[in-house]
């Protein structure tokens, strides 16, 4: 894709030293838009120094260059995606089940921990209630130390 900024349309564009299979067709080609693209299917591997010359409607000329590296399609590549290559996700099918098992065990441990915290909270709450009731004593039963000290000793 070629994008122009500034200048006056139409542009006359020459592309030189493109890889085989990436020639835009006619030289120069004329475009009335600031963005132009064409199909490019390189057929030969190598490094190419692509030169672009453009002239706008006022005669202003601009040149630029870009390096394009084309890699070979592999052992039996024929341009239809059947070539050999490396899959960056290879091996993920063996690691993924292990990750899922780890995730389930981790989530199970979190649920067990939460259940333990809730159970402890309930038990502590019950025990505190029992201790509070024991310290108050029965209403008809034993009295606290302050109540006993005000009473008269038996004669």
C-alpha atoms as a PDB file:
ATOM      1  CA  UNK A   1       0.000   0.000   0.000  1.00  0.00           C
ATOM      2  CA  UNK A   2       1.239   3.452  -0.872  1.00  0.00           C
ATOM      3  CA  UNK A   3      -0.064   6.464   1.037  1.00  0.00           C
ATOM      4  CA  UNK A   4       0.591  10.044   0.006  1.00  0.00           C
ATOM      5  CA  UNK A   5       0.344  13.060   2.280  1.00  0.00           C
ATOM      6  CA  UNK A   6       0.177  16.471   0.679  1.00  0.00           C
ATOM      7  CA  UNK A   7       0.537  17.202  -3.016  1.00  0.00           C
ATOM      8  CA  UNK A   8      -2.152  17.582  -5.636  1.00  0.00           C
ATOM      9  CA  UNK A   9      -3.944  14.645  -7.258  1.00  0.00           C
ATOM     10  CA  UNK A  10      -3.605  12.891  -9.628  1.00  0.00           C
ATOM     11  CA  UNK A  11      -0.221  11.322  -8.897  1.00  0.00           C
ATOM     12  CA  UNK A  12       1.974   9.512 -11.411  1.00  0.00           C
ATOM     13  CA  UNK A  13       3.815   6.715  -9.621  1.00  0.00           C
ATOM     14  CA  UNK A  14       6.756   4.552 -10.681  1.00  0.00           C
ATOM     15  CA  UNK A  15       7.732   1.490  -8.635  1.00  0.00           C
ATOM     16  CA  UNK A  16      11.114   0.007  -9.490  1.00  0.00           C
ATOM     17  CA  UNK A  17      12.953  -3.091  -8.290  1.00  0.00           C
ATOM     18  CA  UNK A  18       9.837  -4.762  -6.895  1.00  0.00           C
ATOM     19  CA  UNK A  19      10.007  -8.532  -6.298  1.00  0.00           C
ATOM     20  CA  UNK A  20       8.688 -10.723  -9.117  1.00  0.00           C
ATOM     21  CA  UNK A  21       4.902 -10.979  -8.673  1.00  0.00           C
ATOM     22  CA  UNK A  22       4.567  -7.533  -7.068  1.00  0.00           C
ATOM     23  CA  UNK A  23       4.669  -5.243 -10.091  1.00  0.00           C
ATOM     24  CA  UNK A  24       1.657  -2.878  -9.987  1.00  0.00           C
ATOM     25  CA  UNK A  25       1.098  -3.362 -13.715  1.00  0.00           C
ATOM     26  CA  UNK A  26       1.561  -0.276 -15.826  1.00  0.00           C
ATOM     27  CA  UNK A  27       4.513   2.062 -15.281  1.00  0.00           C
ATOM     28  CA  UNK A  28       3.788   4.756 -14.338  1.00  0.00           C
ATOM     29  CA  UNK A  29       0.404   4.138 -12.842  1.00  0.00           C
ATOM     30  CA  UNK A  30      -1.857   7.094 -12.151  1.00  0.00           C
ATOM     31  CA  UNK A  31      -3.924   7.418  -8.994  1.00  0.00           C
ATOM     32  CA  UNK A  32      -6.452  10.068  -7.996  1.00  0.00           C
ATOM     33  CA  UNK A  33      -6.482   9.054  -4.332  1.00  0.00           C
ATOM     34  CA  UNK A  34      -4.013   9.547  -1.508  1.00  0.00           C
ATOM     35  CA  UNK A  35      -3.950   5.799  -0.802  1.00  0.00           C
ATOM     36  CA  UNK A  36      -3.365   3.109  -3.385  1.00  0.00           C
ATOM     37  CA  UNK A  37      -2.772  -0.613  -3.120  1.00  0.00           C
ATOM     38  CA  UNK A  38      -2.325  -3.545  -5.472  1.00  0.00           C
ATOM     39  CA  UNK A  39      -2.005  -7.302  -5.182  1.00  0.00           C
ATOM     40  CA  UNK A  40       1.469  -8.515  -4.373  1.00  0.00           C
ATOM     41  CA  UNK A  41       2.332 -12.217  -4.328  1.00  0.00           C
ATOM     42  CA  UNK A  42       6.125 -12.498  -4.422  1.00  0.00           C
ATOM     43  CA  UNK A  43       7.372 -15.513  -6.338  1.00  0.00           C
ATOM     44  CA  UNK A  44      11.109 -15.296  -5.609  1.00  0.00           C
ATOM     45  CA  UNK A  45      12.828 -15.087  -2.239  1.00  0.00           C
ATOM     46  CA  UNK A  46      15.368 -12.333  -1.649  1.00  0.00           C
ATOM     47  CA  UNK A  47      15.913  -8.806  -0.409  1.00  0.00           C
ATOM     48  CA  UNK A  48      14.640  -6.024  -2.634  1.00  0.00           C
ATOM     49  CA  UNK A  49      15.302  -2.295  -2.434  1.00  0.00           C
ATOM     50  CA  UNK A  50      12.019  -0.983  -3.811  1.00  0.00           C
ATOM     51  CA  UNK A  51      12.188   2.547  -5.214  1.00  0.00           C
ATOM     52  CA  UNK A  52       9.134   4.777  -5.511  1.00  0.00           C
ATOM     53  CA  UNK A  53       9.049   7.939  -7.604  1.00  0.00           C
ATOM     54  CA  UNK A  54       5.928  10.083  -7.560  1.00  0.00           C
ATOM     55  CA  UNK A  55       5.003  13.288  -9.356  1.00  0.00           C
ATOM     56  CA  UNK A  56       1.876  15.221  -8.390  1.00  0.00           C
ATOM     57  CA  UNK A  57      -0.343  17.378 -10.600  1.00  0.00           C
ATOM     58  CA  UNK A  58       1.811  20.483 -10.005  1.00  0.00           C
ATOM     59  CA  UNK A  59       4.999  18.702 -11.099  1.00  0.00           C
ATOM     60  CA  UNK A  60       6.454  18.236  -7.613  1.00  0.00           C
ATOM     61  CA  UNK A  61       8.584  15.087  -7.562  1.00  0.00           C
ATOM     62  CA  UNK A  62       9.234  12.885  -4.494  1.00  0.00           C
ATOM     63  CA  UNK A  63      11.386   9.772  -4.201  1.00  0.00           C
ATOM     64  CA  UNK A  64      11.584   7.180  -1.457  1.00  0.00           C
ATOM     65  CA  UNK A  65      12.947   3.678  -0.960  1.00  0.00           C
ATOM     66  CA  UNK A  66      12.029   0.740   1.211  1.00  0.00           C
ATOM     67  CA  UNK A  67      13.706  -2.610   1.771  1.00  0.00           C
ATOM     68  CA  UNK A  68      11.458  -5.616   1.296  1.00  0.00           C
ATOM     69  CA  UNK A  69      12.606  -9.088   2.359  1.00  0.00           C
ATOM     70  CA  UNK A  70      10.811 -12.072   0.854  1.00  0.00           C
ATOM     71  CA  UNK A  71      11.384 -15.428   2.521  1.00  0.00           C
ATOM     72  CA  UNK A  72      10.988 -18.749   0.761  1.00  0.00           C
ATOM     73  CA  UNK A  73       7.744 -20.659   1.133  1.00  0.00           C
ATOM     74  CA  UNK A  74       9.395 -23.753   2.637  1.00  0.00           C
ATOM     75  CA  UNK A  75       9.887 -27.244   1.297  1.00  0.00           C
ATOM     76  CA  UNK A  76       6.746 -27.691  -0.742  1.00  0.00           C
ATOM     77  CA  UNK A  77       5.038 -24.330  -0.679  1.00  0.00           C
ATOM     78  CA  UNK A  78       2.960 -23.631  -3.723  1.00  0.00           C
ATOM     79  CA  UNK A  79       1.318 -20.368  -2.728  1.00  0.00           C
ATOM     80  CA  UNK A  80      -1.884 -21.936  -1.426  1.00  0.00           C
ATOM     81  CA  UNK A  81      -0.894 -22.290   2.236  1.00  0.00           C
ATOM     82  CA  UNK A  82       0.300 -25.890   1.932  1.00  0.00           C
ATOM     83  CA  UNK A  83       3.975 -25.151   2.581  1.00  0.00           C
ATOM     84  CA  UNK A  84       5.859 -26.381   5.585  1.00  0.00           C
ATOM     85  CA  UNK A  85       6.611 -24.034   8.428  1.00  0.00           C
ATOM     86  CA  UNK A  86       6.758 -23.830  12.171  1.00  0.00           C
ATOM     87  CA  UNK A  87       3.714 -23.379  14.327  1.00  0.00           C
ATOM     88  CA  UNK A  88       4.382 -20.967  17.212  1.00  0.00           C
ATOM     89  CA  UNK A  89       1.595 -22.671  19.187  1.00  0.00           C
ATOM     90  CA  UNK A  90       3.011 -26.174  18.765  1.00  0.00           C
ATOM     91  CA  UNK A  91       3.112 -27.995  22.080  1.00  0.00           C
ATOM     92  CA  UNK A  92       0.245 -25.990  23.534  1.00  0.00           C
ATOM     93  CA  UNK A  93      -2.014 -29.032  23.221  1.00  0.00           C
ATOM     94  CA  UNK A  94       0.138 -30.866  25.781  1.00  0.00           C
ATOM     95  CA  UNK A  95       0.455 -27.953  28.202  1.00  0.00           C
ATOM     96  CA  UNK A  96      -3.175 -26.805  28.117  1.00  0.00           C
ATOM     97  CA  UNK A  97      -4.669 -29.796  30.011  1.00  0.00           C
ATOM     98  CA  UNK A  98      -2.083 -29.336  32.764  1.00  0.00           C
ATOM     99  CA  UNK A  99      -2.971 -25.660  33.040  1.00  0.00           C
ATOM    100  CA  UNK A 100      -6.685 -26.485  33.300  1.00  0.00           C
ATOM    101  CA  UNK A 101      -6.032 -29.052  36.042  1.00  0.00           C
ATOM    102  CA  UNK A 102      -3.909 -26.521  37.935  1.00  0.00           C
ATOM    103  CA  UNK A 103      -6.664 -23.904  37.591  1.00  0.00           C
ATOM    104  CA  UNK A 104      -9.339 -26.285  38.904  1.00  0.00           C
ATOM    105  CA  UNK A 105      -7.188 -27.384  41.854  1.00  0.00           C
ATOM    106  CA  UNK A 106      -6.374 -23.751  42.675  1.00  0.00           C
ATOM    107  CA  UNK A 107     -10.042 -22.710  42.536  1.00  0.00           C
ATOM    108  CA  UNK A 108     -11.007 -25.737  44.644  1.00  0.00           C
ATOM    109  CA  UNK A 109      -8.420 -24.752  47.250  1.00  0.00           C
ATOM    110  CA  UNK A 110      -9.793 -21.201  47.334  1.00  0.00           C
ATOM    111  CA  UNK A 111     -13.341 -22.489  47.844  1.00  0.00           C
ATOM    112  CA  UNK A 112     -12.148 -24.817  50.639  1.00  0.00           C
ATOM    113  CA  UNK A 113     -10.277 -21.941  52.295  1.00  0.00           C
ATOM    114  CA  UNK A 114     -13.353 -19.719  52.139  1.00  0.00           C
ATOM    115  CA  UNK A 115     -15.527 -22.482  53.606  1.00  0.00           C
ATOM    116  CA  UNK A 116     -12.987 -22.953  56.416  1.00  0.00           C
ATOM    117  CA  UNK A 117     -12.995 -19.241  57.217  1.00  0.00           C
ATOM    118  CA  UNK A 118     -16.800 -19.190  57.373  1.00  0.00           C
ATOM    119  CA  UNK A 119     -16.864 -22.295  59.602  1.00  0.00           C
ATOM    120  CA  UNK A 120     -14.282 -20.778  61.964  1.00  0.00           C
ATOM    121  CA  UNK A 121     -16.279 -17.551  62.149  1.00  0.00           C
ATOM    122  CA  UNK A 122     -19.418 -19.489  63.076  1.00  0.00           C
ATOM    123  CA  UNK A 123     -17.580 -21.566  65.722  1.00  0.00           C
ATOM    124  CA  UNK A 124     -15.861 -18.530  67.261  1.00  0.00           C
ATOM    125  CA  UNK A 125     -19.168 -16.684  67.348  1.00  0.00           C
ATOM    126  CA  UNK A 126     -20.873 -19.581  69.138  1.00  0.00           C
ATOM    127  CA  UNK A 127     -18.021 -19.971  71.630  1.00  0.00           C
ATOM    128  CA  UNK A 128     -18.028 -16.241  72.422  1.00  0.00           C
ATOM    129  CA  UNK A 129     -21.760 -16.420  73.030  1.00  0.00           C
ATOM    130  CA  UNK A 130     -21.253 -19.386  75.386  1.00  0.00           C
ATOM    131  CA  UNK A 131     -18.498 -17.570  77.302  1.00  0.00           C
ATOM    132  CA  UNK A 132     -20.595 -14.428  77.583  1.00  0.00           C
ATOM    133  CA  UNK A 133     -23.518 -16.408  78.984  1.00  0.00           C
ATOM    134  CA  UNK A 134     -21.221 -18.270  81.400  1.00  0.00           C
ATOM    135  CA  UNK A 135     -19.784 -14.990  82.712  1.00  0.00           C
ATOM    136  CA  UNK A 136     -23.234 -13.556  83.294  1.00  0.00           C
ATOM    137  CA  UNK A 137     -24.241 -16.646  85.179  1.00  0.00           C
ATOM    138  CA  UNK A 138     -27.746 -17.891  85.792  1.00  0.00           C
ATOM    139  CA  UNK A 139     -30.178 -15.238  86.892  1.00  0.00           C
ATOM    140  CA  UNK A 140     -31.211 -17.428  89.797  1.00  0.00           C
ATOM    141  CA  UNK A 141     -27.805 -19.048  90.248  1.00  0.00           C
ATOM    142  CA  UNK A 142     -24.482 -17.657  91.423  1.00  0.00           C
ATOM    143  CA  UNK A 143     -23.897 -13.958  91.724  1.00  0.00           C
ATOM    144  CA  UNK A 144     -20.976 -11.865  90.673  1.00  0.00           C
ATOM    145  CA  UNK A 145     -18.228 -10.820  93.118  1.00  0.00           C
ATOM    146  CA  UNK A 146     -19.688  -7.311  93.542  1.00  0.00           C
ATOM    147  CA  UNK A 147     -23.082  -8.686  94.498  1.00  0.00           C
ATOM    148  CA  UNK A 148     -21.523 -10.991  97.109  1.00  0.00           C
ATOM    149  CA  UNK A 149     -19.424  -8.259  98.771  1.00  0.00           C
ATOM    150  CA  UNK A 150     -22.515  -6.130  99.618  1.00  0.00           C
ATOM    151  CA  UNK A 151     -24.238  -8.975 101.469  1.00  0.00           C
ATOM    152  CA  UNK A 152     -23.959  -9.420 105.209  1.00  0.00           C
ATOM    153  CA  UNK A 153     -21.984 -12.387 106.497  1.00  0.00           C
ATOM    154  CA  UNK A 154     -24.049 -15.143 108.086  1.00  0.00           C
ATOM    155  CA  UNK A 155     -24.234 -15.119 111.921  1.00  0.00           C
END
